[in-house]
């Protein structure tokens, strides 16, 4: 099993210690591209903290419920919601390649079969609890895929499991390839172009959640 470096924040093992979305993600990704480049990084932390402080009680309650069911750290679910929709269950991103909906911005073009399997329609993603239920289902499945790859890797990873999972959302093919072929720890640092931007934004989101919700987010 690969050895882990100690993350900057002791978050209790889950999806990432830092949150991001990527324009470089593969077709199967479920998330809206949050970052367009480094130009937005300067004010990202402040804006994320302000948005996290405006989460409704319903958002936090649903995130808490599904984090426990999926066995995912609550902080990571909240950080994902923060970057994807700022807590807006009616959020909708429509482009040539995606039709992402709800608080966790599930792309129905990639995940329609899963949505149906869970007993819902695409429009049900606009219902807060359903959007988080489906989003955390996807989050958990990706985390498990990354964990399996990490266990097979013969080298230590620069990033923790949570960060790798978030990067997997951004570019699953690149992260998969990196974890399978890396021969040194250094080769696991940047699985695709501008990965550091996405990592920085994930870190900002996790810090915002920590500052707003404190220890409760890591219970």
C-alpha atoms as a PDB file:
ATOM      1  CA  UNK A   1       0.000   0.000   0.000  1.00  0.00           C
ATOM      2  CA  UNK A   2       1.288   3.450  -0.869  1.00  0.00           C
ATOM      3  CA  UNK A   3       2.481   5.675   1.921  1.00  0.00           C
ATOM      4  CA  UNK A   4       0.756   9.018   2.471  1.00  0.00           C
ATOM      5  CA  UNK A   5       2.372  12.313   3.201  1.00  0.00           C
ATOM      6  CA  UNK A   6       0.804  14.139   6.128  1.00  0.00           C
ATOM      7  CA  UNK A   7      -1.660  16.699   4.701  1.00  0.00           C
ATOM      8  CA  UNK A   8      -1.580  20.343   5.670  1.00  0.00           C
ATOM      9  CA  UNK A   9      -4.917  19.888   7.410  1.00  0.00           C
ATOM     10  CA  UNK A  10      -5.807  16.786   9.423  1.00  0.00           C
ATOM     11  CA  UNK A  11      -9.235  16.268   7.943  1.00  0.00           C
ATOM     12  CA  UNK A  12      -9.937  12.719   8.970  1.00  0.00           C
ATOM     13  CA  UNK A  13      -9.384  10.870   5.765  1.00  0.00           C
ATOM     14  CA  UNK A  14     -11.861  11.475   3.007  1.00  0.00           C
ATOM     15  CA  UNK A  15     -12.023  13.044  -0.313  1.00  0.00           C
ATOM     16  CA  UNK A  16      -9.472  15.763  -0.430  1.00  0.00           C
ATOM     17  CA  UNK A  17      -7.744  18.295   1.694  1.00  0.00           C
ATOM     18  CA  UNK A  18      -8.324  20.830  -0.978  1.00  0.00           C
ATOM     19  CA  UNK A  19     -11.168  21.357  -3.521  1.00  0.00           C
ATOM     20  CA  UNK A  20     -11.224  21.998  -7.265  1.00  0.00           C
ATOM     21  CA  UNK A  21     -13.042  21.578 -10.519  1.00  0.00           C
ATOM     22  CA  UNK A  22     -11.406  21.566 -13.902  1.00  0.00           C
ATOM     23  CA  UNK A  23     -11.858  22.577 -17.465  1.00  0.00           C
ATOM     24  CA  UNK A  24      -9.596  19.628 -18.212  1.00  0.00           C
ATOM     25  CA  UNK A  25     -11.960  17.040 -16.761  1.00  0.00           C
ATOM     26  CA  UNK A  26     -13.030  14.072 -18.817  1.00  0.00           C
ATOM     27  CA  UNK A  27     -16.499  13.511 -20.246  1.00  0.00           C
ATOM     28  CA  UNK A  28     -17.595  11.436 -17.257  1.00  0.00           C
ATOM     29  CA  UNK A  29     -17.044  14.198 -14.720  1.00  0.00           C
ATOM     30  CA  UNK A  30     -20.060  15.338 -12.739  1.00  0.00           C
ATOM     31  CA  UNK A  31     -18.967  18.860 -11.823  1.00  0.00           C
ATOM     32  CA  UNK A  32     -19.072  22.410 -13.150  1.00  0.00           C
ATOM     33  CA  UNK A  33     -15.691  23.947 -14.034  1.00  0.00           C
ATOM     34  CA  UNK A  34     -15.113  26.400 -11.203  1.00  0.00           C
ATOM     35  CA  UNK A  35     -11.692  27.629 -12.195  1.00  0.00           C
ATOM     36  CA  UNK A  36     -10.793  29.326 -15.455  1.00  0.00           C
ATOM     37  CA  UNK A  37      -7.251  30.303 -14.467  1.00  0.00           C
ATOM     38  CA  UNK A  38      -5.103  31.837 -11.793  1.00  0.00           C
ATOM     39  CA  UNK A  39      -6.574  35.304 -12.163  1.00  0.00           C
ATOM     40  CA  UNK A  40      -9.451  34.556  -9.811  1.00  0.00           C
ATOM     41  CA  UNK A  41      -7.343  33.007  -7.080  1.00  0.00           C
ATOM     42  CA  UNK A  42      -6.631  36.234  -5.180  1.00  0.00           C
ATOM     43  CA  UNK A  43     -10.176  36.814  -3.949  1.00  0.00           C
ATOM     44  CA  UNK A  44     -11.325  33.203  -3.991  1.00  0.00           C
ATOM     45  CA  UNK A  45     -10.789  32.595  -0.279  1.00  0.00           C
ATOM     46  CA  UNK A  46     -12.825  35.598   0.840  1.00  0.00           C
ATOM     47  CA  UNK A  47     -15.691  34.924  -1.535  1.00  0.00           C
ATOM     48  CA  UNK A  48     -15.850  31.264  -0.567  1.00  0.00           C
ATOM     49  CA  UNK A  49     -15.926  32.035   3.138  1.00  0.00           C
ATOM     50  CA  UNK A  50     -18.750  34.519   2.586  1.00  0.00           C
ATOM     51  CA  UNK A  51     -20.712  31.986   0.540  1.00  0.00           C
ATOM     52  CA  UNK A  52     -20.162  29.208   3.096  1.00  0.00           C
ATOM     53  CA  UNK A  53     -21.541  31.475   5.793  1.00  0.00           C
ATOM     54  CA  UNK A  54     -24.745  31.839   3.807  1.00  0.00           C
ATOM     55  CA  UNK A  55     -25.480  28.113   3.511  1.00  0.00           C
ATOM     56  CA  UNK A  56     -29.043  27.411   4.587  1.00  0.00           C
ATOM     57  CA  UNK A  57     -29.760  25.114   7.510  1.00  0.00           C
ATOM     58  CA  UNK A  58     -31.318  22.719   5.007  1.00  0.00           C
ATOM     59  CA  UNK A  59     -28.099  22.516   2.979  1.00  0.00           C
ATOM     60  CA  UNK A  60     -26.029  21.733   6.059  1.00  0.00           C
ATOM     61  CA  UNK A  61     -28.564  19.200   7.354  1.00  0.00           C
ATOM     62  CA  UNK A  62     -28.737  17.325   4.049  1.00  0.00           C
ATOM     63  CA  UNK A  63     -24.961  17.366   3.625  1.00  0.00           C
ATOM     64  CA  UNK A  64     -24.568  16.039   7.166  1.00  0.00           C
ATOM     65  CA  UNK A  65     -27.032  13.215   6.569  1.00  0.00           C
ATOM     66  CA  UNK A  66     -25.503  12.023   3.312  1.00  0.00           C
ATOM     67  CA  UNK A  67     -21.924  12.429   4.507  1.00  0.00           C
ATOM     68  CA  UNK A  68     -22.713   9.978   7.318  1.00  0.00           C
ATOM     69  CA  UNK A  69     -24.504   7.553   5.013  1.00  0.00           C
ATOM     70  CA  UNK A  70     -21.682   7.596   2.445  1.00  0.00           C
ATOM     71  CA  UNK A  71     -18.967   7.668   5.130  1.00  0.00           C
ATOM     72  CA  UNK A  72     -17.435  10.816   3.653  1.00  0.00           C
ATOM     73  CA  UNK A  73     -16.126  13.661   5.838  1.00  0.00           C
ATOM     74  CA  UNK A  74     -18.782  16.370   6.074  1.00  0.00           C
ATOM     75  CA  UNK A  75     -16.214  19.095   5.405  1.00  0.00           C
ATOM     76  CA  UNK A  76     -15.524  17.639   1.986  1.00  0.00           C
ATOM     77  CA  UNK A  77     -19.178  17.423   1.051  1.00  0.00           C
ATOM     78  CA  UNK A  78     -19.715  21.030   2.140  1.00  0.00           C
ATOM     79  CA  UNK A  79     -16.613  22.169   0.259  1.00  0.00           C
ATOM     80  CA  UNK A  80     -17.814  20.431  -2.879  1.00  0.00           C
ATOM     81  CA  UNK A  81     -21.208  22.114  -2.617  1.00  0.00           C
ATOM     82  CA  UNK A  82     -19.465  25.417  -1.987  1.00  0.00           C
ATOM     83  CA  UNK A  83     -17.413  25.304  -5.165  1.00  0.00           C
ATOM     84  CA  UNK A  84     -20.069  23.734  -7.334  1.00  0.00           C
ATOM     85  CA  UNK A  85     -23.115  25.858  -6.551  1.00  0.00           C
ATOM     86  CA  UNK A  86     -22.448  28.094  -3.548  1.00  0.00           C
ATOM     87  CA  UNK A  87     -25.250  26.116  -1.907  1.00  0.00           C
ATOM     88  CA  UNK A  88     -27.890  26.861  -4.538  1.00  0.00           C
ATOM     89  CA  UNK A  89     -30.045  23.760  -5.237  1.00  0.00           C
ATOM     90  CA  UNK A  90     -31.410  25.397  -8.396  1.00  0.00           C
ATOM     91  CA  UNK A  91     -27.976  25.931  -9.940  1.00  0.00           C
ATOM     92  CA  UNK A  92     -27.787  24.929 -13.606  1.00  0.00           C
ATOM     93  CA  UNK A  93     -24.808  24.868 -15.968  1.00  0.00           C
ATOM     94  CA  UNK A  94     -25.559  24.178 -19.618  1.00  0.00           C
ATOM     95  CA  UNK A  95     -22.813  23.944 -22.245  1.00  0.00           C
ATOM     96  CA  UNK A  96     -22.104  21.891 -25.330  1.00  0.00           C
ATOM     97  CA  UNK A  97     -20.662  19.122 -23.169  1.00  0.00           C
ATOM     98  CA  UNK A  98     -22.660  19.259 -19.967  1.00  0.00           C
ATOM     99  CA  UNK A  99     -26.034  19.776 -18.366  1.00  0.00           C
ATOM    100  CA  UNK A 100     -25.228  19.992 -14.678  1.00  0.00           C
ATOM    101  CA  UNK A 101     -27.894  20.512 -12.063  1.00  0.00           C
ATOM    102  CA  UNK A 102     -28.434  21.008  -8.365  1.00  0.00           C
ATOM    103  CA  UNK A 103     -26.341  21.738  -5.310  1.00  0.00           C
ATOM    104  CA  UNK A 104     -23.581  19.337  -6.346  1.00  0.00           C
ATOM    105  CA  UNK A 105     -23.900  19.984 -10.086  1.00  0.00           C
ATOM    106  CA  UNK A 106     -24.450  16.448 -11.323  1.00  0.00           C
ATOM    107  CA  UNK A 107     -24.016  16.272 -15.088  1.00  0.00           C
ATOM    108  CA  UNK A 108     -27.076  14.439 -16.391  1.00  0.00           C
ATOM    109  CA  UNK A 109     -25.348  13.673 -19.687  1.00  0.00           C
ATOM    110  CA  UNK A 110     -22.821  11.558 -17.837  1.00  0.00           C
ATOM    111  CA  UNK A 111     -24.891  10.306 -14.910  1.00  0.00           C
ATOM    112  CA  UNK A 112     -28.449   9.834 -16.189  1.00  0.00           C
ATOM    113  CA  UNK A 113     -28.351   6.020 -15.728  1.00  0.00           C
ATOM    114  CA  UNK A 114     -27.276   6.438 -12.099  1.00  0.00           C
ATOM    115  CA  UNK A 115     -29.998   9.014 -11.480  1.00  0.00           C
ATOM    116  CA  UNK A 116     -32.600   6.584 -12.805  1.00  0.00           C
ATOM    117  CA  UNK A 117     -31.086   3.700 -10.844  1.00  0.00           C
ATOM    118  CA  UNK A 118     -31.498   5.714  -7.652  1.00  0.00           C
ATOM    119  CA  UNK A 119     -35.161   6.269  -8.502  1.00  0.00           C
ATOM    120  CA  UNK A 120     -35.150   9.858  -9.710  1.00  0.00           C
ATOM    121  CA  UNK A 121     -35.591  11.976 -12.815  1.00  0.00           C
ATOM    122  CA  UNK A 122     -33.056  14.512 -14.038  1.00  0.00           C
ATOM    123  CA  UNK A 123     -35.155  17.398 -12.762  1.00  0.00           C
ATOM    124  CA  UNK A 124     -35.238  15.843  -9.288  1.00  0.00           C
ATOM    125  CA  UNK A 125     -31.651  17.019  -8.915  1.00  0.00           C
ATOM    126  CA  UNK A 126     -33.052  20.485  -8.243  1.00  0.00           C
ATOM    127  CA  UNK A 127     -34.546  19.102  -5.041  1.00  0.00           C
ATOM    128  CA  UNK A 128     -31.893  19.845  -2.444  1.00  0.00           C
ATOM    129  CA  UNK A 129     -31.775  16.482  -0.706  1.00  0.00           C
ATOM    130  CA  UNK A 130     -31.910  14.522  -3.958  1.00  0.00           C
ATOM    131  CA  UNK A 131     -29.126  16.573  -5.508  1.00  0.00           C
ATOM    132  CA  UNK A 132     -26.900  15.905  -2.520  1.00  0.00           C
ATOM    133  CA  UNK A 133     -27.874  12.238  -2.375  1.00  0.00           C
ATOM    134  CA  UNK A 134     -26.860  11.682  -5.995  1.00  0.00           C
ATOM    135  CA  UNK A 135     -23.808  13.919  -5.747  1.00  0.00           C
ATOM    136  CA  UNK A 136     -22.430  12.094  -2.717  1.00  0.00           C
ATOM    137  CA  UNK A 137     -23.107   8.757  -4.393  1.00  0.00           C
ATOM    138  CA  UNK A 138     -20.833   9.835  -7.247  1.00  0.00           C
ATOM    139  CA  UNK A 139     -18.302  11.319  -4.848  1.00  0.00           C
ATOM    140  CA  UNK A 140     -18.105   8.051  -2.932  1.00  0.00           C
ATOM    141  CA  UNK A 141     -17.747   5.954  -6.071  1.00  0.00           C
ATOM    142  CA  UNK A 142     -14.883   8.088  -7.334  1.00  0.00           C
ATOM    143  CA  UNK A 143     -13.183   8.045  -3.963  1.00  0.00           C
ATOM    144  CA  UNK A 144     -13.296   4.259  -3.925  1.00  0.00           C
ATOM    145  CA  UNK A 145     -11.779   4.112  -7.415  1.00  0.00           C
ATOM    146  CA  UNK A 146      -8.921   6.374  -6.406  1.00  0.00           C
ATOM    147  CA  UNK A 147      -8.324   4.461  -3.178  1.00  0.00           C
ATOM    148  CA  UNK A 148      -8.036   1.208  -5.118  1.00  0.00           C
ATOM    149  CA  UNK A 149      -5.484   2.781  -7.454  1.00  0.00           C
ATOM    150  CA  UNK A 150      -3.499   4.230  -4.568  1.00  0.00           C
ATOM    151  CA  UNK A 151      -3.310   0.870  -2.819  1.00  0.00           C
ATOM    152  CA  UNK A 152      -1.733  -0.624  -5.939  1.00  0.00           C
ATOM    153  CA  UNK A 153       0.753   2.196  -6.407  1.00  0.00           C
ATOM    154  CA  UNK A 154       4.320   1.328  -5.384  1.00  0.00           C
ATOM    155  CA  UNK A 155       5.206   4.962  -4.590  1.00  0.00           C
ATOM    156  CA  UNK A 156       4.168   7.560  -2.032  1.00  0.00           C
ATOM    157  CA  UNK A 157       1.689  10.198  -3.185  1.00  0.00           C
ATOM    158  CA  UNK A 158       2.275  13.934  -3.004  1.00  0.00           C
ATOM    159  CA  UNK A 159      -1.434  14.517  -2.399  1.00  0.00           C
ATOM    160  CA  UNK A 160      -3.782  12.902   0.088  1.00  0.00           C
ATOM    161  CA  UNK A 161      -6.743  10.738  -0.892  1.00  0.00           C
ATOM    162  CA  UNK A 162      -9.167  13.631  -0.818  1.00  0.00           C
ATOM    163  CA  UNK A 163      -7.117  15.784  -3.154  1.00  0.00           C
ATOM    164  CA  UNK A 164      -6.513  12.927  -5.542  1.00  0.00           C
ATOM    165  CA  UNK A 165     -10.222  12.221  -5.648  1.00  0.00           C
ATOM    166  CA  UNK A 166     -11.035  15.808  -6.491  1.00  0.00           C
ATOM    167  CA  UNK A 167      -8.372  15.797  -9.183  1.00  0.00           C
ATOM    168  CA  UNK A 168      -9.905  12.580 -10.462  1.00  0.00           C
ATOM    169  CA  UNK A 169     -13.147  14.480 -11.029  1.00  0.00           C
ATOM    170  CA  UNK A 170     -11.186  17.076 -12.948  1.00  0.00           C
ATOM    171  CA  UNK A 171      -9.372  14.623 -15.162  1.00  0.00           C
ATOM    172  CA  UNK A 172     -10.026  10.959 -14.413  1.00  0.00           C
ATOM    173  CA  UNK A 173      -7.964   9.626 -17.303  1.00  0.00           C
ATOM    174  CA  UNK A 174      -4.951  11.690 -16.275  1.00  0.00           C
ATOM    175  CA  UNK A 175      -5.097  10.764 -12.596  1.00  0.00           C
ATOM    176  CA  UNK A 176      -5.665   7.111 -13.422  1.00  0.00           C
ATOM    177  CA  UNK A 177      -2.666   7.128 -15.733  1.00  0.00           C
ATOM    178  CA  UNK A 178      -0.507   8.917 -13.176  1.00  0.00           C
ATOM    179  CA  UNK A 179      -1.321   6.522 -10.352  1.00  0.00           C
ATOM    180  CA  UNK A 180      -0.713   3.498 -12.538  1.00  0.00           C
ATOM    181  CA  UNK A 181       2.580   4.640 -14.065  1.00  0.00           C
ATOM    182  CA  UNK A 182       4.310   6.925 -11.537  1.00  0.00           C
ATOM    183  CA  UNK A 183       7.711   5.584 -10.479  1.00  0.00           C
ATOM    184  CA  UNK A 184       8.618   8.383  -8.068  1.00  0.00           C
ATOM    185  CA  UNK A 185       6.705  10.509  -5.582  1.00  0.00           C
ATOM    186  CA  UNK A 186       7.432  13.639  -7.585  1.00  0.00           C
ATOM    187  CA  UNK A 187       5.632  12.212 -10.608  1.00  0.00           C
ATOM    188  CA  UNK A 188       2.355  12.243  -8.664  1.00  0.00           C
ATOM    189  CA  UNK A 189       2.305  16.006  -8.109  1.00  0.00           C
ATOM    190  CA  UNK A 190       0.702  17.298 -11.320  1.00  0.00           C
ATOM    191  CA  UNK A 191      -1.462  14.828 -13.237  1.00  0.00           C
ATOM    192  CA  UNK A 192      -2.551  17.456 -15.770  1.00  0.00           C
ATOM    193  CA  UNK A 193      -1.898  21.048 -16.811  1.00  0.00           C
ATOM    194  CA  UNK A 194      -2.805  23.685 -14.202  1.00  0.00           C
ATOM    195  CA  UNK A 195      -3.620  21.058 -11.578  1.00  0.00           C
ATOM    196  CA  UNK A 196      -2.130  23.360  -8.939  1.00  0.00           C
ATOM    197  CA  UNK A 197      -4.858  25.926  -9.627  1.00  0.00           C
ATOM    198  CA  UNK A 198      -7.577  23.425  -8.879  1.00  0.00           C
ATOM    199  CA  UNK A 199      -5.754  22.202  -5.784  1.00  0.00           C
ATOM    200  CA  UNK A 200      -5.446  25.764  -4.502  1.00  0.00           C
ATOM    201  CA  UNK A 201      -9.163  26.369  -4.943  1.00  0.00           C
ATOM    202  CA  UNK A 202     -10.017  23.162  -3.132  1.00  0.00           C
ATOM    203  CA  UNK A 203      -7.756  24.233  -0.274  1.00  0.00           C
ATOM    204  CA  UNK A 204      -9.510  27.606  -0.166  1.00  0.00           C
ATOM    205  CA  UNK A 205     -12.900  25.908  -0.006  1.00  0.00           C
ATOM    206  CA  UNK A 206     -11.832  23.539   2.763  1.00  0.00           C
ATOM    207  CA  UNK A 207     -10.395  26.432   4.763  1.00  0.00           C
ATOM    208  CA  UNK A 208     -13.616  28.401   4.288  1.00  0.00           C
ATOM    209  CA  UNK A 209     -15.673  25.485   5.603  1.00  0.00           C
ATOM    210  CA  UNK A 210     -13.316  25.066   8.559  1.00  0.00           C
ATOM    211  CA  UNK A 211     -13.544  28.734   9.465  1.00  0.00           C
ATOM    212  CA  UNK A 212     -17.330  28.860   9.220  1.00  0.00           C
ATOM    213  CA  UNK A 213     -18.285  25.504  10.712  1.00  0.00           C
ATOM    214  CA  UNK A 214     -15.279  24.650  12.846  1.00  0.00           C
ATOM    215  CA  UNK A 215     -14.889  21.240  14.447  1.00  0.00           C
ATOM    216  CA  UNK A 216     -18.466  20.265  13.585  1.00  0.00           C
ATOM    217  CA  UNK A 217     -17.453  19.891   9.932  1.00  0.00           C
ATOM    218  CA  UNK A 218     -14.907  17.234  10.886  1.00  0.00           C
ATOM    219  CA  UNK A 219     -16.965  15.264  13.393  1.00  0.00           C
END
